[in-house]
N, C-alpha and C. Protein backbone atom coordinates (compact mmCIF):
# COMPACT_ATOMS: atom_id res chain seq x y z
N UNK A 1 0.57 -1.22 -0.28
CA UNK A 1 0.14 0.06 -0.28
C UNK A 1 0.86 1.24 0.37
N UNK A 2 1.66 1.50 1.22
CA UNK A 2 2.52 2.37 0.38
C UNK A 2 3.48 2.70 -0.33
N UNK A 3 3.82 1.50 -1.07
CA UNK A 3 4.87 1.41 -2.18
C UNK A 3 3.65 2.27 -3.33
N UNK A 4 2.47 1.65 -3.16
CA UNK A 4 1.69 2.01 -4.47
C UNK A 4 1.68 3.79 -4.13
N UNK A 5 1.11 3.78 -2.89
CA UNK A 5 0.95 5.73 -2.57
C UNK A 5 2.61 6.33 -3.05
N UNK A 6 3.29 5.60 -2.98
CA UNK A 6 4.62 6.54 -3.01
C UNK A 6 5.21 6.29 -4.60
N UNK A 7 4.55 5.78 -5.31
CA UNK A 7 4.24 5.49 -6.86
C UNK A 7 3.38 6.41 -7.41
N UNK A 8 2.26 6.26 -6.77
CA UNK A 8 1.29 7.58 -7.06
C UNK A 8 1.84 8.93 -7.03
N UNK A 9 2.32 9.32 -5.99
CA UNK A 9 2.59 10.40 -5.80
C UNK A 9 3.99 10.87 -6.81
N UNK A 10 4.65 10.15 -7.12
CA UNK A 10 5.91 10.27 -8.16
C UNK A 10 5.34 10.36 -9.37
N UNK A 11 4.36 9.77 -9.26
CA UNK A 11 3.78 10.08 -10.88
C UNK A 11 3.34 11.34 -11.10
N UNK A 12 2.25 11.77 -10.36
CA UNK A 12 1.64 12.93 -9.93
C UNK A 12 3.09 14.05 -9.81
N UNK A 13 3.84 13.60 -9.22
CA UNK A 13 5.34 14.95 -9.06
C UNK A 13 5.53 15.14 -10.57
N UNK A 14 5.67 14.01 -11.47
CA UNK A 14 6.06 14.04 -12.77
C UNK A 14 4.97 14.71 -13.89
N UNK A 15 4.01 14.49 -13.03
CA UNK A 15 2.76 15.41 -13.99
C UNK A 15 2.61 16.94 -13.59
N UNK A 16 3.17 17.12 -12.81
CA UNK A 16 2.66 18.66 -12.10
C UNK A 16 4.10 19.17 -12.56
N UNK A 17 5.26 18.38 -12.63
CA UNK A 17 6.41 19.04 -13.19
C UNK A 17 6.70 19.20 -14.63
N UNK A 18 5.78 18.62 -15.39
CA UNK A 18 5.27 18.80 -16.92
C UNK A 18 4.49 19.63 -17.21
N UNK A 19 3.56 20.06 -16.16
CA UNK A 19 2.03 20.66 -16.51
C UNK A 19 2.54 22.04 -16.82
N UNK A 20 3.85 22.76 -16.70
CA UNK A 20 4.22 24.03 -16.93
C UNK A 20 4.63 23.98 -18.60
N UNK A 21 4.66 22.81 -19.23
CA UNK A 21 5.29 22.33 -20.21
C UNK A 21 4.04 22.49 -21.69
N UNK A 22 4.22 23.23 -22.51
CA UNK A 22 3.23 23.29 -23.66
C UNK A 22 2.44 21.79 -23.83
N UNK A 23 1.46 22.02 -24.33
CA UNK A 23 0.50 21.17 -24.26
C UNK A 23 0.99 20.06 -25.80
N UNK A 24 1.08 19.01 -25.94
CA UNK A 24 1.46 18.18 -27.06
C UNK A 24 0.36 18.40 -27.66
N UNK A 25 -1.07 18.39 -27.57
CA UNK A 25 -2.39 18.30 -28.63
C UNK A 25 -3.19 19.46 -28.06
N UNK A 26 -3.42 20.06 -29.02
CA UNK A 26 -4.54 20.92 -29.15
C UNK A 26 -5.87 20.72 -29.10
N UNK A 27 -6.86 21.51 -29.52
CA UNK A 27 -8.55 21.28 -29.41
C UNK A 27 -8.56 20.47 -30.90
N UNK A 28 -7.73 20.08 -31.76
CA UNK A 28 -7.83 19.85 -32.90
C UNK A 28 -7.65 18.54 -33.02
N UNK A 29 -7.34 17.59 -33.46
CA UNK A 29 -7.52 15.89 -33.33
C UNK A 29 -6.40 15.73 -34.12
N UNK A 30 -5.03 15.54 -33.33
CA UNK A 30 -4.02 15.10 -34.12
C UNK A 30 -3.86 13.33 -34.23
N UNK A 31 -2.85 13.04 -35.19
CA UNK A 31 -2.48 11.61 -35.47
C UNK A 31 -1.78 10.97 -34.07
N UNK A 32 -2.04 9.92 -33.71
CA UNK A 32 -1.49 9.61 -32.49
C UNK A 32 -0.91 8.24 -32.95
N UNK A 33 0.22 7.81 -33.71
CA UNK A 33 0.82 6.97 -34.33
C UNK A 33 0.70 5.82 -33.54
N UNK A 34 0.88 4.47 -34.47
CA UNK A 34 1.26 2.88 -33.70
C UNK A 34 2.54 3.22 -33.09
N UNK A 35 2.87 2.00 -32.14
CA UNK A 35 4.42 1.92 -31.80
C UNK A 35 5.00 1.62 -32.97
N UNK A 36 4.97 0.84 -34.20
CA UNK A 36 5.15 0.63 -35.30
C UNK A 36 5.46 1.97 -36.08
N UNK A 37 4.92 3.18 -36.11
CA UNK A 37 5.23 4.05 -37.09
C UNK A 37 6.11 5.53 -36.06
N UNK A 38 6.45 5.16 -34.83
CA UNK A 38 7.40 6.19 -33.74
C UNK A 38 8.61 5.62 -34.89
N UNK A 39 9.25 6.99 -34.58
CA UNK A 39 10.48 7.22 -34.83
C UNK A 39 11.62 6.04 -33.90
N UNK A 40 12.90 5.97 -34.53
CA UNK A 40 13.51 5.14 -33.35
C UNK A 40 13.98 5.67 -32.31
N UNK A 41 13.88 6.94 -32.32
CA UNK A 41 14.52 7.99 -31.28
C UNK A 41 13.10 7.93 -29.81
N UNK A 42 11.98 8.14 -30.49
CA UNK A 42 10.90 7.91 -30.06
C UNK A 42 10.76 6.79 -29.32
N UNK A 43 11.14 5.65 -30.35
CA UNK A 43 11.24 4.27 -29.21
C UNK A 43 11.98 4.12 -28.29
N UNK A 44 12.95 4.69 -28.49
CA UNK A 44 14.13 4.45 -27.59
C UNK A 44 13.66 5.00 -26.35
N UNK A 45 12.92 6.28 -26.42
CA UNK A 45 12.51 7.19 -25.07
C UNK A 45 11.61 6.49 -24.79
N UNK A 46 10.65 6.20 -25.62
CA UNK A 46 9.20 5.48 -24.75
C UNK A 46 9.47 3.89 -24.35
N UNK A 47 10.29 3.51 -24.67
CA UNK A 47 10.27 2.05 -24.54
C UNK A 47 9.67 1.20 -23.52
N UNK A 48 9.74 1.87 -22.17
CA UNK A 48 8.96 1.36 -21.01
C UNK A 48 7.48 1.24 -21.42
N UNK A 49 7.12 1.99 -22.32
CA UNK A 49 5.49 1.56 -22.75
C UNK A 49 4.97 1.15 -23.68
N UNK A 50 6.32 0.31 -24.09
CA UNK A 50 6.15 -0.34 -25.50
C UNK A 50 4.79 -1.50 -25.78
N UNK A 51 5.01 -2.46 -24.77
CA UNK A 51 3.91 -3.37 -24.91
C UNK A 51 2.42 -2.43 -24.83
N UNK A 52 2.27 -1.32 -23.95
CA UNK A 52 1.21 -1.06 -23.98
C UNK A 52 0.94 0.20 -24.95
N UNK A 53 1.80 0.77 -25.64
CA UNK A 53 1.60 1.73 -26.66
C UNK A 53 0.38 1.74 -27.47
N UNK A 54 0.11 1.04 -28.17
CA UNK A 54 -1.28 0.82 -29.06
C UNK A 54 -2.52 0.81 -28.42
N UNK A 55 -2.38 0.29 -27.29
CA UNK A 55 -3.74 0.17 -26.46
C UNK A 55 -4.18 1.69 -25.68
N UNK A 56 -3.08 2.54 -25.64
CA UNK A 56 -3.32 4.07 -25.44
C UNK A 56 -4.35 4.62 -26.30
N UNK A 57 -5.24 5.33 -25.52
CA UNK A 57 -5.88 6.27 -26.17
C UNK A 57 -5.02 7.38 -26.96
N UNK A 58 -5.59 8.26 -27.96
CA UNK A 58 -4.99 9.21 -29.21
C UNK A 58 -4.31 10.42 -27.94
N UNK A 59 -5.37 10.62 -27.15
CA UNK A 59 -4.73 11.64 -26.55
C UNK A 59 -3.50 11.73 -25.59
N UNK A 60 -3.49 10.36 -24.97
CA UNK A 60 -2.71 9.66 -24.01
C UNK A 60 -1.26 9.65 -24.94
N UNK A 61 -1.32 9.08 -25.95
CA UNK A 61 -0.31 8.82 -26.97
C UNK A 61 0.36 10.37 -27.13
N UNK A 62 -0.47 11.04 -27.57
CA UNK A 62 -0.07 12.55 -27.64
C UNK A 62 1.07 12.73 -26.30
N UNK A 63 0.32 12.72 -25.37
CA UNK A 63 0.84 13.47 -24.13
C UNK A 63 2.36 12.83 -24.17
N UNK A 64 2.25 11.29 -24.53
CA UNK A 64 3.71 10.62 -24.20
C UNK A 64 4.87 11.17 -25.32
N UNK A 65 4.15 11.64 -26.52
CA UNK A 65 4.79 11.93 -27.48
C UNK A 65 5.82 13.55 -27.30
N UNK A 66 4.74 13.96 -26.67
CA UNK A 66 5.28 15.55 -26.22
C UNK A 66 6.40 15.00 -25.10
N UNK A 67 6.24 14.58 -24.30
CA UNK A 67 7.46 14.10 -23.12
C UNK A 67 8.56 13.47 -24.06
N UNK A 68 8.51 12.87 -25.10
CA UNK A 68 9.47 12.25 -25.91
C UNK A 68 10.15 13.01 -26.77
N UNK A 69 9.59 14.32 -26.96
CA UNK A 69 10.06 15.42 -28.26
C UNK A 69 10.97 16.45 -27.01
N UNK A 70 10.67 16.43 -25.92
CA UNK A 70 11.47 17.16 -25.24
C UNK A 70 12.17 16.59 -24.33
N UNK A 71 12.47 15.57 -24.60
CA UNK A 71 13.21 14.44 -23.44
C UNK A 71 14.74 14.81 -24.13
N UNK A 72 15.12 14.90 -25.26
CA UNK A 72 16.62 14.87 -25.59
C UNK A 72 17.03 16.55 -24.95
N UNK A 73 16.41 17.34 -24.95
CA UNK A 73 16.51 18.44 -24.24
C UNK A 73 16.98 18.70 -22.53
N UNK A 74 16.40 17.86 -22.11
CA UNK A 74 16.12 17.44 -20.62
C UNK A 74 17.63 17.32 -20.20
N UNK A 75 18.06 17.27 -18.85
CA UNK A 75 19.28 17.35 -18.47
C UNK A 75 19.34 15.72 -17.95
N UNK A 76 20.79 15.19 -18.23
CA UNK A 76 20.31 13.81 -17.74
C UNK A 76 19.77 13.17 -16.63
N UNK A 77 19.86 13.67 -15.36
CA UNK A 77 18.86 13.47 -14.16
C UNK A 77 17.75 13.84 -14.28
N UNK A 78 17.08 14.68 -15.03
CA UNK A 78 15.96 14.65 -15.50
C UNK A 78 15.33 13.39 -16.47
N UNK A 79 16.34 13.50 -17.58
CA UNK A 79 15.99 11.89 -18.14
C UNK A 79 15.71 10.83 -17.44
N UNK A 80 16.54 10.49 -16.52
CA UNK A 80 16.55 9.38 -15.91
C UNK A 80 15.35 9.31 -14.95
N UNK A 81 14.83 10.42 -14.33
CA UNK A 81 13.56 10.24 -13.76
C UNK A 81 12.52 10.26 -14.50
N UNK A 82 12.63 10.72 -15.78
CA UNK A 82 11.38 10.50 -16.82
C UNK A 82 11.29 8.89 -17.27
N UNK A 83 12.63 7.93 -17.27
CA UNK A 83 12.66 6.92 -17.29
C UNK A 83 11.87 6.25 -16.44
N UNK A 84 12.42 6.29 -15.07
CA UNK A 84 12.24 5.80 -13.52
C UNK A 84 10.22 5.82 -13.77
N UNK A 85 9.66 6.99 -14.58
CA UNK A 85 8.39 7.21 -13.63
C UNK A 85 7.65 6.52 -14.81
N UNK A 86 8.18 6.42 -16.43
CA UNK A 86 7.82 5.54 -16.90
C UNK A 86 7.62 4.02 -16.70
N UNK A 87 8.45 3.49 -16.24
CA UNK A 87 8.96 2.29 -15.26
C UNK A 87 7.85 2.36 -14.35
N UNK A 88 7.58 3.47 -13.87
CA UNK A 88 6.63 2.99 -12.61
C UNK A 88 4.83 3.28 -12.93
N UNK A 89 4.68 3.89 -14.08
CA UNK A 89 3.79 3.98 -14.83
C UNK A 89 3.08 2.75 -15.12
N UNK A 90 4.23 1.98 -15.97
CA UNK A 90 3.32 0.65 -16.62
C UNK A 90 3.00 -0.66 -15.60
N UNK A 91 3.96 -0.03 -14.37
CA UNK A 91 3.50 -0.89 -12.91
C UNK A 91 2.52 -0.76 -12.63
N UNK A 92 1.85 0.26 -12.58
CA UNK A 92 0.78 0.94 -12.24
C UNK A 92 -0.79 -0.31 -12.26
N UNK A 93 -1.74 -0.48 -11.46
CA UNK A 93 -2.91 -1.02 -11.93
C UNK A 93 -3.56 0.17 -12.65
N UNK A 94 -4.62 -0.54 -13.46
CA UNK A 94 -5.57 0.81 -14.31
C UNK A 94 -6.24 1.79 -12.96
N UNK A 95 -6.48 1.14 -11.82
CA UNK A 95 -7.12 1.95 -10.55
C UNK A 95 -6.26 2.71 -10.54
N UNK A 96 -5.00 2.73 -10.15
CA UNK A 96 -4.14 3.64 -9.83
C UNK A 96 -3.55 4.58 -10.84
N UNK A 97 -3.76 4.15 -12.03
CA UNK A 97 -3.68 4.97 -12.55
C UNK A 97 -4.42 6.06 -13.01
N UNK A 98 -5.82 5.74 -12.63
CA UNK A 98 -6.89 6.41 -12.81
C UNK A 98 -6.46 7.29 -11.56
N UNK A 99 -6.09 7.16 -10.25
CA UNK A 99 -6.17 8.01 -9.25
C UNK A 99 -4.97 8.72 -9.38
N UNK A 100 -4.06 8.55 -10.22
CA UNK A 100 -3.03 9.58 -10.39
C UNK A 100 -3.52 10.83 -11.11
N UNK A 101 -4.23 10.19 -12.22
CA UNK A 101 -4.66 11.15 -13.31
C UNK A 101 -5.86 12.20 -12.59
N UNK A 102 -6.17 11.54 -11.25
CA UNK A 102 -7.37 12.52 -10.58
C UNK A 102 -6.19 13.42 -9.71
N UNK A 103 -5.35 12.96 -9.08
CA UNK A 103 -4.30 13.67 -8.04
C UNK A 103 -3.90 14.63 -9.26
N UNK A 104 -3.14 14.51 -10.53
CA UNK A 104 -2.61 15.59 -11.25
C UNK A 104 -3.90 16.67 -11.36
N UNK A 105 -5.13 16.20 -11.72
CA UNK A 105 -6.16 16.97 -11.55
C UNK A 105 -6.01 18.37 -10.87
N UNK A 106 -6.34 17.89 -9.52
CA UNK A 106 -6.65 18.18 -8.37
C UNK A 106 -5.18 19.51 -8.15
N UNK A 107 -3.99 18.87 -8.33
CA UNK A 107 -2.79 19.48 -8.41
C UNK A 107 -2.54 20.78 -9.47
N UNK A 108 -3.20 20.70 -10.31
CA UNK A 108 -3.00 21.49 -11.33
C UNK A 108 -4.71 22.97 -11.09
N UNK A 109 -5.26 22.37 -10.20
CA UNK A 109 -6.29 23.74 -9.89
C UNK A 109 -5.79 24.02 -8.42
N UNK A 110 -4.92 24.01 -7.68
CA UNK A 110 -4.44 24.21 -6.66
C UNK A 110 -3.80 25.80 -7.11
N UNK A 111 -3.95 26.71 -6.37
CA UNK A 111 -3.41 28.09 -6.75
C UNK A 111 -1.73 27.62 -6.94
N UNK A 112 -1.48 28.69 -7.58
CA UNK A 112 0.22 28.66 -7.98
C UNK A 112 1.16 28.44 -6.85
N UNK A 113 0.89 29.49 -5.83
CA UNK A 113 1.46 29.25 -4.43
C UNK A 113 1.65 27.83 -3.59
N UNK A 114 0.37 27.06 -3.66
CA UNK A 114 0.37 26.24 -2.86
C UNK A 114 0.70 25.04 -3.93
N UNK A 115 0.57 25.14 -4.77
CA UNK A 115 1.40 24.14 -5.95
C UNK A 115 2.96 24.36 -5.65
N UNK A 116 3.25 25.11 -5.60
CA UNK A 116 4.96 25.35 -5.97
C UNK A 116 5.15 25.34 -4.03
N UNK A 117 4.62 25.09 -3.11
CA UNK A 117 4.76 24.56 -1.90
C UNK A 117 4.79 23.26 -2.23
N UNK A 118 3.82 22.41 -2.82
CA UNK A 118 3.96 21.03 -2.91
C UNK A 118 4.83 20.47 -3.53
N UNK A 119 5.63 21.21 -4.78
CA UNK A 119 6.32 21.15 -5.47
C UNK A 119 7.96 21.24 -4.26
N UNK A 120 7.87 22.02 -3.59
CA UNK A 120 9.14 22.07 -3.05
C UNK A 120 9.43 20.82 -1.81
N UNK A 121 7.78 20.30 -1.08
CA UNK A 121 7.89 19.46 -0.09
C UNK A 121 8.49 18.20 -0.96
N UNK A 122 7.98 17.56 -2.37
CA UNK A 122 7.93 16.78 -2.73
C UNK A 122 9.80 16.45 -2.92
N UNK A 123 10.28 18.12 -3.35
CA UNK A 123 11.72 17.57 -3.50
C UNK A 123 12.55 17.37 -2.41
N UNK A 124 11.67 18.26 -1.13
CA UNK A 124 12.76 17.60 0.07
C UNK A 124 12.60 16.66 0.12
N UNK A 125 11.76 15.35 -0.14
CA UNK A 125 11.31 14.18 -0.18
C UNK A 125 12.09 13.32 -0.72
N UNK A 126 12.31 13.75 -1.96
CA UNK A 126 13.07 13.23 -3.05
C UNK A 126 14.53 12.97 -2.40
N UNK A 127 15.22 14.22 -1.93
CA UNK A 127 16.22 14.53 -1.29
C UNK A 127 16.84 13.27 -0.34
N UNK A 128 15.58 12.81 0.14
CA UNK A 128 16.03 11.91 1.71
C UNK A 128 16.63 10.37 0.90
N UNK A 129 17.69 9.86 1.88
CA UNK A 129 17.94 8.83 1.46
C UNK A 129 17.13 7.57 1.38
N UNK A 130 17.32 6.88 0.43
CA UNK A 130 16.41 5.61 0.58
C UNK A 130 16.23 4.64 1.76
N UNK A 131 16.80 4.72 2.80
CA UNK A 131 16.29 3.82 4.12
C UNK A 131 15.41 4.80 4.74
N UNK A 132 15.32 6.35 4.53
CA UNK A 132 14.65 6.96 5.31
C UNK A 132 13.21 6.86 4.83
N UNK A 133 13.06 6.97 3.38
CA UNK A 133 11.86 6.74 2.72
C UNK A 133 11.34 5.62 2.78
N UNK A 134 12.19 4.51 3.02
CA UNK A 134 11.27 3.11 3.59
C UNK A 134 10.70 3.35 5.06
N UNK A 135 11.38 3.68 5.57
CA UNK A 135 11.23 3.98 7.12
C UNK A 135 9.76 4.86 7.00
N UNK A 136 9.78 6.14 6.29
CA UNK A 136 8.78 6.90 6.27
C UNK A 136 7.50 6.09 5.62
N UNK A 137 7.88 5.75 4.73
CA UNK A 137 6.41 4.67 4.06
C UNK A 137 6.03 3.71 4.57
N UNK A 138 6.95 3.17 5.87
CA UNK A 138 6.33 2.26 6.74
C UNK A 138 5.34 2.80 7.53
N UNK A 139 5.65 3.83 7.96
CA UNK A 139 4.73 4.72 9.27
C UNK A 139 3.34 4.98 8.76
N UNK A 140 2.39 4.93 9.68
CA UNK A 140 1.07 5.26 8.96
C UNK A 140 0.85 6.19 8.65
N UNK A 141 -0.31 6.57 7.97
CA UNK A 141 -0.26 8.16 7.64
C UNK A 141 -1.21 8.70 8.72
N UNK A 142 -0.76 9.94 8.61
CA UNK A 142 -0.99 10.81 10.20
C UNK A 142 -1.98 12.01 9.30
N UNK A 143 -3.24 12.27 10.26
CA UNK A 143 -4.02 13.50 9.41
C UNK A 143 -2.90 14.75 9.74
N UNK A 144 -2.53 15.05 10.91
CA UNK A 144 -2.11 16.31 11.01
C UNK A 144 -1.00 16.79 10.49
N UNK A 145 -0.91 18.41 10.32
CA UNK A 145 0.38 18.65 9.93
C UNK A 145 1.77 18.81 10.65
N UNK A 146 2.57 18.81 9.93
CA UNK A 146 3.99 18.68 10.69
C UNK A 146 4.84 20.07 10.41
N UNK A 147 5.62 20.52 11.22
CA UNK A 147 6.15 21.40 10.88
C UNK A 147 7.83 21.13 10.20
N UNK A 148 8.19 20.09 10.13
CA UNK A 148 9.07 19.60 9.89
C UNK A 148 9.07 18.99 8.27
N UNK A 149 9.96 18.72 7.42
CA UNK A 149 10.14 18.03 6.41
C UNK A 149 9.13 17.16 6.25
N UNK A 150 8.00 16.49 5.03
CA UNK A 150 7.22 15.74 4.82
C UNK A 150 7.80 14.30 5.54
N UNK A 151 6.85 13.69 6.08
CA UNK A 151 6.89 12.52 6.47
C UNK A 151 6.67 11.38 5.58
N UNK A 152 6.15 11.96 4.74
CA UNK A 152 5.64 10.81 3.26
C UNK A 152 5.42 11.85 2.08
N UNK A 153 5.28 11.48 1.10
CA UNK A 153 4.90 12.16 -0.05
C UNK A 153 3.60 12.46 0.05
N UNK A 154 3.80 13.66 -1.08
CA UNK A 154 2.34 14.77 -0.90
C UNK A 154 1.31 13.48 -1.08
N UNK A 155 0.01 13.99 -0.50
CA UNK A 155 -1.22 13.36 -0.56
C UNK A 155 -1.50 12.85 -1.78
N UNK A 156 -2.20 11.47 -1.92
CA UNK A 156 -2.68 11.26 -3.35
C UNK A 156 -3.92 10.95 -3.35
N UNK A 157 -4.91 11.84 -2.26
CA UNK A 157 -6.11 11.67 -2.28
C UNK A 157 -6.52 13.02 -3.27
N UNK A 158 -7.83 12.83 -3.27
CA UNK A 158 -8.59 14.24 -4.16
C UNK A 158 -8.83 15.49 -2.94
N UNK A 159 -7.92 15.10 -1.88
CA UNK A 159 -8.23 16.61 -1.05
C UNK A 159 -7.16 17.27 -1.02
N UNK A 160 -7.09 18.44 -0.51
CA UNK A 160 -5.95 19.32 -0.92
C UNK A 160 -5.39 19.09 0.47
N UNK A 161 -3.86 19.40 0.53
CA UNK A 161 -2.82 19.03 1.36
C UNK A 161 -3.55 19.69 2.97
N UNK A 162 -2.81 19.11 3.71
CA UNK A 162 -3.93 20.00 5.37
C UNK A 162 -2.79 21.10 5.61
N UNK A 163 -3.79 21.93 5.98
CA UNK A 163 -3.28 23.47 6.24
C UNK A 163 -2.52 23.16 7.39
N UNK A 164 -1.01 23.82 7.68
CA UNK A 164 -0.19 24.16 8.78
C UNK A 164 -1.16 25.23 10.03
N UNK A 165 -1.13 25.08 11.03
CA UNK A 165 -1.82 25.70 12.26
C UNK A 165 -0.71 27.00 12.05
N UNK A 166 -1.15 28.20 12.06
CA UNK A 166 0.23 29.21 12.32
C UNK A 166 0.71 29.13 13.44
N UNK A 167 1.59 29.42 13.53
CA UNK A 167 2.58 29.87 14.69
C UNK A 167 1.98 30.57 16.08
N UNK A 168 2.58 29.47 16.98
CA UNK A 168 1.80 30.33 18.33
C UNK A 168 2.89 31.03 18.88
N UNK A 169 2.41 32.24 19.31
CA UNK A 169 3.73 33.00 20.23
C UNK A 169 2.85 33.40 21.73
N UNK A 170 2.42 32.54 22.67
CA UNK A 170 1.96 32.72 23.76
C UNK A 170 2.17 34.22 24.34
N UNK A 171 3.72 34.51 24.56
CA UNK A 171 3.81 35.64 25.01
C UNK A 171 3.93 37.07 24.19
N UNK A 172 3.25 37.07 23.64
CA UNK A 172 3.16 38.69 22.53
C UNK A 172 2.83 39.61 23.47
N UNK A 173 3.26 40.78 23.26
CA UNK A 173 3.17 41.87 24.12
C UNK A 173 2.26 43.08 23.10
N UNK A 174 1.22 43.67 23.90
CA UNK A 174 0.99 44.29 22.88
C UNK A 174 1.59 45.87 22.43
N UNK A 175 2.01 46.26 21.25
CA UNK A 175 2.80 47.47 21.08
C UNK A 175 2.50 48.69 21.60
N UNK A 176 3.24 48.89 22.24
CA UNK A 176 2.98 50.56 23.24
C UNK A 176 4.34 51.32 22.97
C-alpha cells in the first residue's frame, strides 16, 4: 500500500512538473501513431511503454510523444527521472493510474503558491536517502500537519494538503 502511494505520488509529481510545459495536443485531433510508426528515437525514449502503447487512447499517446520530443533537451538527471516514472507507470494497475490522473487534475487546480509549496515538499522528500524513505513509507499516515519536512510523499487523495496551523507565540506583548 505504501509503495503504491509513493508510486502514485511520484507519477503525480512528474505530471505536475510537466504541467508547465506546452501541451502536445491542442483542441484539434492529431494523429496518434502506433508503436510501429514511431521514430527510432521516440521508440528508444518511450521503450518502457512499448507493450501498452497501441492500447493507449490517442490523447494519451500525444502526451507521451510530447514528453519524448522534450526528452533530448532534458538534463541527464531529468531524463533518468522520466525513465523511472515511465517504468513506474507501466507497473500501476488501471485503478492506480486513474487515481494518479485524478491527483494530477487536483494539483493543477491548486493556486500557484500552493502548487509551488507541494513541489518544494516533494523535492525535499526526494532528497531523503532510500532507507529514510522506506522508514517513512512504513509509518501509518497521520492526518495532522507537521512543521518538519514531509514524513511521506504529498497526499494522493482528492483532498488538498492539510493546512499548517499558524505559529503560536503565547507571550506576545501589545505594541506600546
